[in-house]
Every structure is written in C-alpha cells, then in structure tokens.
N, C-alpha and C. Protein backbone atom coordinates (compact mmCIF):
# COMPACT_ATOMS: atom_id res chain seq x y z
N UNK A 1 -53.15 24.66 -41.32
CA UNK A 1 -51.85 24.24 -41.71
C UNK A 1 -51.49 22.88 -41.11
N UNK A 2 -50.34 22.40 -41.55
CA UNK A 2 -49.92 21.08 -41.09
C UNK A 2 -49.19 21.12 -39.75
N UNK A 3 -48.58 22.22 -39.40
CA UNK A 3 -47.81 22.31 -38.17
C UNK A 3 -48.61 23.11 -37.16
N UNK A 4 -48.81 22.49 -36.01
CA UNK A 4 -49.54 23.20 -34.98
C UNK A 4 -48.58 24.05 -34.17
N UNK A 5 -49.03 25.15 -33.63
CA UNK A 5 -48.14 26.00 -32.85
C UNK A 5 -47.70 25.30 -31.56
N UNK A 6 -46.42 25.50 -31.17
CA UNK A 6 -45.87 24.91 -29.95
C UNK A 6 -45.92 25.94 -28.85
N UNK A 7 -46.40 25.52 -27.72
CA UNK A 7 -46.47 26.41 -26.57
C UNK A 7 -45.49 25.92 -25.50
N UNK A 8 -44.94 26.83 -24.77
CA UNK A 8 -43.99 26.48 -23.71
C UNK A 8 -44.72 25.76 -22.59
N UNK A 9 -44.08 24.73 -22.07
CA UNK A 9 -44.70 24.01 -20.97
C UNK A 9 -44.39 24.73 -19.67
N UNK A 10 -45.19 24.46 -18.69
CA UNK A 10 -44.97 25.05 -17.38
C UNK A 10 -43.70 24.44 -16.79
N UNK A 11 -42.96 25.23 -16.01
CA UNK A 11 -41.73 24.76 -15.39
C UNK A 11 -42.04 23.65 -14.40
N UNK A 12 -41.16 22.60 -14.39
CA UNK A 12 -41.35 21.49 -13.47
C UNK A 12 -41.08 21.91 -12.04
N UNK A 13 -41.52 21.10 -11.12
CA UNK A 13 -41.31 21.39 -9.71
C UNK A 13 -39.81 21.30 -9.39
N UNK A 14 -39.36 22.12 -8.46
CA UNK A 14 -37.96 22.13 -8.06
C UNK A 14 -37.61 20.81 -7.38
N UNK A 15 -36.37 20.33 -7.56
CA UNK A 15 -35.90 19.08 -6.94
C UNK A 15 -35.79 19.28 -5.43
N UNK A 16 -36.56 18.55 -4.63
CA UNK A 16 -36.53 18.76 -3.18
C UNK A 16 -35.21 18.33 -2.53
N UNK A 17 -34.44 17.44 -3.17
CA UNK A 17 -33.18 16.99 -2.57
C UNK A 17 -32.04 17.94 -2.86
N UNK A 18 -32.23 18.88 -3.75
CA UNK A 18 -31.21 19.87 -4.03
C UNK A 18 -30.00 19.30 -4.77
N UNK A 19 -30.14 18.24 -5.50
CA UNK A 19 -29.04 17.68 -6.26
C UNK A 19 -28.15 16.75 -5.46
N UNK A 20 -28.50 16.48 -4.21
CA UNK A 20 -27.70 15.60 -3.37
C UNK A 20 -27.71 14.17 -3.90
N UNK A 21 -28.78 13.77 -4.48
CA UNK A 21 -28.87 12.41 -5.02
C UNK A 21 -27.91 12.22 -6.19
N UNK A 22 -27.55 13.29 -6.87
CA UNK A 22 -26.59 13.18 -7.97
C UNK A 22 -25.17 12.94 -7.47
N UNK A 23 -24.85 13.43 -6.27
CA UNK A 23 -23.53 13.24 -5.69
C UNK A 23 -23.39 11.94 -4.90
N UNK A 24 -24.50 11.35 -4.56
CA UNK A 24 -24.48 10.14 -3.74
C UNK A 24 -23.68 9.00 -4.36
N UNK A 25 -23.81 8.68 -5.65
CA UNK A 25 -22.99 7.59 -6.21
C UNK A 25 -21.49 7.89 -6.17
N UNK A 26 -21.09 9.13 -6.38
CA UNK A 26 -19.67 9.49 -6.33
C UNK A 26 -19.14 9.33 -4.91
N UNK A 27 -19.90 9.78 -3.92
CA UNK A 27 -19.49 9.63 -2.52
C UNK A 27 -19.41 8.16 -2.13
N UNK A 28 -20.37 7.38 -2.58
CA UNK A 28 -20.37 5.95 -2.28
C UNK A 28 -19.16 5.26 -2.90
N UNK A 29 -18.80 5.62 -4.13
CA UNK A 29 -17.62 5.03 -4.78
C UNK A 29 -16.35 5.41 -4.03
N UNK A 30 -16.24 6.63 -3.54
CA UNK A 30 -15.06 7.04 -2.78
C UNK A 30 -14.94 6.26 -1.48
N UNK A 31 -16.05 6.05 -0.80
CA UNK A 31 -16.02 5.29 0.46
C UNK A 31 -15.59 3.86 0.20
N UNK A 32 -16.10 3.24 -0.85
CA UNK A 32 -15.71 1.86 -1.18
C UNK A 32 -14.23 1.82 -1.55
N UNK A 33 -13.76 2.79 -2.34
CA UNK A 33 -12.35 2.87 -2.72
C UNK A 33 -11.47 3.01 -1.49
N UNK A 34 -11.88 3.82 -0.54
CA UNK A 34 -11.11 4.04 0.69
C UNK A 34 -10.93 2.74 1.46
N UNK A 35 -12.03 1.99 1.66
CA UNK A 35 -11.96 0.78 2.48
C UNK A 35 -11.33 -0.40 1.75
N UNK A 36 -11.39 -0.45 0.44
CA UNK A 36 -10.84 -1.58 -0.29
C UNK A 36 -9.42 -1.38 -0.79
N UNK A 37 -8.98 -0.14 -0.99
CA UNK A 37 -7.66 0.09 -1.57
C UNK A 37 -6.76 0.98 -0.72
N UNK A 38 -7.20 2.15 -0.37
CA UNK A 38 -6.34 3.13 0.29
C UNK A 38 -5.99 2.72 1.72
N UNK A 39 -6.98 2.35 2.50
CA UNK A 39 -6.75 2.00 3.90
C UNK A 39 -5.83 0.78 4.07
N UNK A 40 -6.04 -0.32 3.33
CA UNK A 40 -5.11 -1.45 3.48
C UNK A 40 -3.69 -1.12 3.04
N UNK A 41 -3.54 -0.29 2.01
CA UNK A 41 -2.20 0.09 1.55
C UNK A 41 -1.49 0.92 2.62
N UNK A 42 -2.19 1.82 3.27
CA UNK A 42 -1.59 2.63 4.33
C UNK A 42 -1.18 1.74 5.51
N UNK A 43 -2.00 0.74 5.84
CA UNK A 43 -1.70 -0.17 6.93
C UNK A 43 -0.45 -1.00 6.60
N UNK A 44 -0.36 -1.49 5.35
CA UNK A 44 0.80 -2.27 4.93
C UNK A 44 2.07 -1.44 4.98
N UNK A 45 2.00 -0.18 4.54
CA UNK A 45 3.17 0.71 4.56
C UNK A 45 3.61 0.98 6.00
N UNK A 46 2.67 1.15 6.90
CA UNK A 46 3.00 1.39 8.31
C UNK A 46 3.68 0.17 8.93
N UNK A 47 3.20 -1.03 8.61
CA UNK A 47 3.80 -2.25 9.12
C UNK A 47 5.21 -2.44 8.58
N UNK A 48 5.42 -2.14 7.29
CA UNK A 48 6.75 -2.29 6.69
C UNK A 48 7.73 -1.30 7.31
N UNK A 49 7.29 -0.09 7.58
CA UNK A 49 8.16 0.91 8.22
C UNK A 49 8.58 0.44 9.60
N UNK A 50 7.64 -0.12 10.36
CA UNK A 50 7.98 -0.64 11.69
C UNK A 50 8.95 -1.81 11.59
N UNK A 51 8.78 -2.66 10.59
CA UNK A 51 9.68 -3.80 10.38
C UNK A 51 11.09 -3.31 10.06
N UNK A 52 11.21 -2.31 9.21
CA UNK A 52 12.51 -1.77 8.81
C UNK A 52 13.22 -1.13 10.00
N UNK A 53 12.48 -0.42 10.83
CA UNK A 53 13.09 0.25 11.98
C UNK A 53 13.54 -0.73 13.06
N UNK A 54 12.94 -1.92 13.10
CA UNK A 54 13.24 -2.88 14.16
C UNK A 54 14.35 -3.86 13.77
N UNK A 55 14.97 -3.70 12.61
CA UNK A 55 16.02 -4.63 12.18
C UNK A 55 17.25 -4.52 13.09
N UNK A 56 17.80 -5.67 13.46
CA UNK A 56 19.01 -5.70 14.28
C UNK A 56 19.98 -6.73 13.72
N UNK A 57 21.21 -6.68 14.21
CA UNK A 57 22.23 -7.63 13.79
C UNK A 57 21.81 -9.03 14.22
N UNK A 58 21.96 -10.00 13.31
CA UNK A 58 21.59 -11.37 13.62
C UNK A 58 20.22 -11.78 13.11
N UNK A 59 19.39 -10.82 12.71
CA UNK A 59 18.08 -11.15 12.16
C UNK A 59 18.24 -11.86 10.82
N UNK A 60 17.39 -12.82 10.56
CA UNK A 60 17.38 -13.52 9.28
C UNK A 60 16.29 -12.89 8.42
N UNK A 61 16.67 -12.43 7.22
CA UNK A 61 15.76 -11.65 6.39
C UNK A 61 15.72 -12.18 4.96
N UNK A 62 14.68 -11.77 4.24
CA UNK A 62 14.55 -12.01 2.81
C UNK A 62 14.42 -10.64 2.16
N UNK A 63 15.21 -10.39 1.13
CA UNK A 63 15.14 -9.11 0.43
C UNK A 63 14.03 -9.16 -0.62
N UNK A 64 13.70 -8.02 -1.17
CA UNK A 64 12.68 -7.97 -2.22
C UNK A 64 13.14 -8.68 -3.48
N UNK A 65 14.44 -8.84 -3.63
CA UNK A 65 14.98 -9.58 -4.77
C UNK A 65 14.95 -11.09 -4.56
N UNK A 66 14.60 -11.54 -3.36
CA UNK A 66 14.49 -12.96 -3.09
C UNK A 66 15.70 -13.57 -2.42
N UNK A 67 16.70 -12.78 -2.08
CA UNK A 67 17.89 -13.32 -1.41
C UNK A 67 17.62 -13.43 0.09
N UNK A 68 17.98 -14.58 0.65
CA UNK A 68 17.78 -14.80 2.08
C UNK A 68 19.15 -14.83 2.76
N UNK A 69 19.23 -14.21 3.91
CA UNK A 69 20.50 -14.18 4.62
C UNK A 69 20.35 -13.62 6.02
N UNK A 70 21.49 -13.50 6.69
CA UNK A 70 21.53 -13.01 8.07
C UNK A 70 22.19 -11.63 8.08
N UNK A 71 21.63 -10.71 8.84
CA UNK A 71 22.17 -9.35 8.93
C UNK A 71 23.45 -9.38 9.75
N UNK A 72 24.53 -8.76 9.18
CA UNK A 72 25.80 -8.70 9.90
C UNK A 72 26.13 -7.29 10.37
N UNK A 73 25.71 -6.29 9.60
CA UNK A 73 25.95 -4.89 9.98
C UNK A 73 24.69 -4.08 9.68
N UNK A 74 24.38 -3.16 10.58
CA UNK A 74 23.22 -2.29 10.41
C UNK A 74 23.68 -0.85 10.38
N UNK A 75 23.38 -0.14 9.29
CA UNK A 75 23.72 1.27 9.17
C UNK A 75 22.45 2.10 9.10
N UNK A 76 22.61 3.39 8.83
CA UNK A 76 21.45 4.27 8.73
C UNK A 76 20.58 3.94 7.53
N UNK A 77 21.21 3.75 6.37
CA UNK A 77 20.42 3.49 5.16
C UNK A 77 20.77 2.17 4.49
N UNK A 78 21.90 1.55 4.87
CA UNK A 78 22.29 0.28 4.28
C UNK A 78 22.48 -0.79 5.34
N UNK A 79 22.27 -2.03 4.94
CA UNK A 79 22.43 -3.18 5.82
C UNK A 79 23.30 -4.20 5.08
N UNK A 80 24.24 -4.82 5.79
CA UNK A 80 25.04 -5.91 5.20
C UNK A 80 24.36 -7.22 5.54
N UNK A 81 24.13 -8.03 4.50
CA UNK A 81 23.46 -9.31 4.67
C UNK A 81 24.42 -10.41 4.22
N UNK A 82 24.65 -11.38 5.09
CA UNK A 82 25.50 -12.51 4.75
C UNK A 82 24.63 -13.58 4.10
N UNK A 83 24.90 -13.85 2.82
CA UNK A 83 24.11 -14.83 2.07
C UNK A 83 24.65 -16.24 2.23
N UNK A 84 25.97 -16.36 2.30
CA UNK A 84 26.66 -17.63 2.48
C UNK A 84 27.93 -17.31 3.28
N UNK A 85 28.64 -18.32 3.75
CA UNK A 85 29.88 -18.03 4.49
C UNK A 85 30.84 -17.20 3.62
N UNK A 86 31.30 -16.09 4.16
CA UNK A 86 32.22 -15.15 3.51
C UNK A 86 31.62 -14.46 2.29
N UNK A 87 30.30 -14.40 2.17
CA UNK A 87 29.64 -13.69 1.07
C UNK A 87 28.67 -12.69 1.69
N UNK A 88 29.03 -11.40 1.61
CA UNK A 88 28.16 -10.36 2.16
C UNK A 88 27.71 -9.43 1.04
N UNK A 89 26.49 -8.96 1.16
CA UNK A 89 25.91 -8.04 0.19
C UNK A 89 25.34 -6.85 0.96
N UNK A 90 25.59 -5.65 0.45
CA UNK A 90 25.01 -4.45 1.07
C UNK A 90 23.69 -4.14 0.36
N UNK A 91 22.63 -4.02 1.12
CA UNK A 91 21.31 -3.69 0.57
C UNK A 91 20.74 -2.50 1.33
N UNK A 92 19.85 -1.77 0.67
CA UNK A 92 19.17 -0.68 1.35
C UNK A 92 18.17 -1.24 2.34
N UNK A 93 17.93 -0.48 3.38
CA UNK A 93 16.96 -0.92 4.40
C UNK A 93 15.59 -1.21 3.78
N UNK A 94 15.17 -0.36 2.84
CA UNK A 94 13.85 -0.50 2.24
C UNK A 94 13.73 -1.76 1.39
N UNK A 95 14.85 -2.39 1.04
CA UNK A 95 14.83 -3.59 0.20
C UNK A 95 14.53 -4.85 0.99
N UNK A 96 14.41 -4.75 2.30
CA UNK A 96 14.09 -5.92 3.12
C UNK A 96 12.59 -6.15 3.05
N UNK A 97 12.20 -7.36 2.63
CA UNK A 97 10.78 -7.68 2.49
C UNK A 97 10.21 -8.31 3.75
N UNK A 98 10.93 -9.27 4.33
CA UNK A 98 10.43 -9.98 5.51
C UNK A 98 11.55 -10.33 6.46
N UNK A 99 11.18 -10.50 7.69
CA UNK A 99 12.10 -11.00 8.70
C UNK A 99 11.65 -12.43 9.01
N UNK A 100 12.57 -13.37 8.87
CA UNK A 100 12.26 -14.78 9.10
C UNK A 100 12.40 -15.12 10.59
N UNK A 101 11.75 -16.17 11.04
CA UNK A 101 11.93 -16.60 12.42
C UNK A 101 13.37 -17.08 12.65
N UNK A 102 13.87 -16.92 13.85
CA UNK A 102 15.24 -17.33 14.18
C UNK A 102 15.41 -18.83 13.91
N UNK A 103 16.56 -19.19 13.32
CA UNK A 103 16.85 -20.58 13.05
C UNK A 103 16.34 -21.09 11.71
N UNK A 104 15.72 -20.23 10.92
CA UNK A 104 15.22 -20.65 9.62
C UNK A 104 16.36 -20.99 8.67
N UNK A 105 17.39 -20.15 8.68
CA UNK A 105 18.55 -20.36 7.81
C UNK A 105 19.64 -21.07 8.62
N UNK A 106 19.71 -22.38 8.52
CA UNK A 106 20.66 -23.14 9.34
C UNK A 106 22.01 -23.29 8.65
N UNK A 107 22.08 -23.04 7.32
CA UNK A 107 23.34 -23.23 6.58
C UNK A 107 24.34 -22.13 6.89
N UNK A 108 23.87 -20.96 7.35
CA UNK A 108 24.80 -19.85 7.59
C UNK A 108 25.44 -19.94 8.95
C-alpha cells in the first residue's frame, strides 16, 4: 500500500531541570521590573511623605498646580499659602510638590 504503518516513538528523556528553565525568564522580568519601576517609586513616595510631614510656617513651597508661595498656616490636612500680599489659598498637604530654599520668593 501507499501508507506505511506508524509506530509510536519511545518516550523522550525526562527534563533534568524540572521545568525551572521555563520560569527563569518570568523571574528575571520581575526582578528587572522591581529595580527599574517599583523600587524607585516607593523611594519617591517615602521622600514626599517626609517632605509633607516636615512643612512648617514660613517655608516657601511650590504646589503641584505650579503656584509658588509662603506657608502662613499649617493644619492637619490643609495648609494656607500666601501667593501675593493679602492673597492666601488653602491647599491640601499632599498638593505640595517642593519646598524651595529660603529667600527664593523675595516679592512676598
């Protein structure tokens, strides 16, 4: 006939690594993700929390909205920032992006 009979092949040898090599790329990707994305973000969040807790009256700050001013009142969750003479704005503590060096804002 035209078709020859097919016989089952012998079973291949068992994988000596036990499938560990299949998980290695996933583990390697997680380690790279940890060092390039997760760890720096956690460090940045920790630094921002310390900055927010250290705010005091008289500090010169920039908000996340870009407004620069001097802190006049500090509360538990809100801070009053003087943007210009007789112009105060209440902002949440978390809205403070940076603390400027003393004397940066000379117009106030």
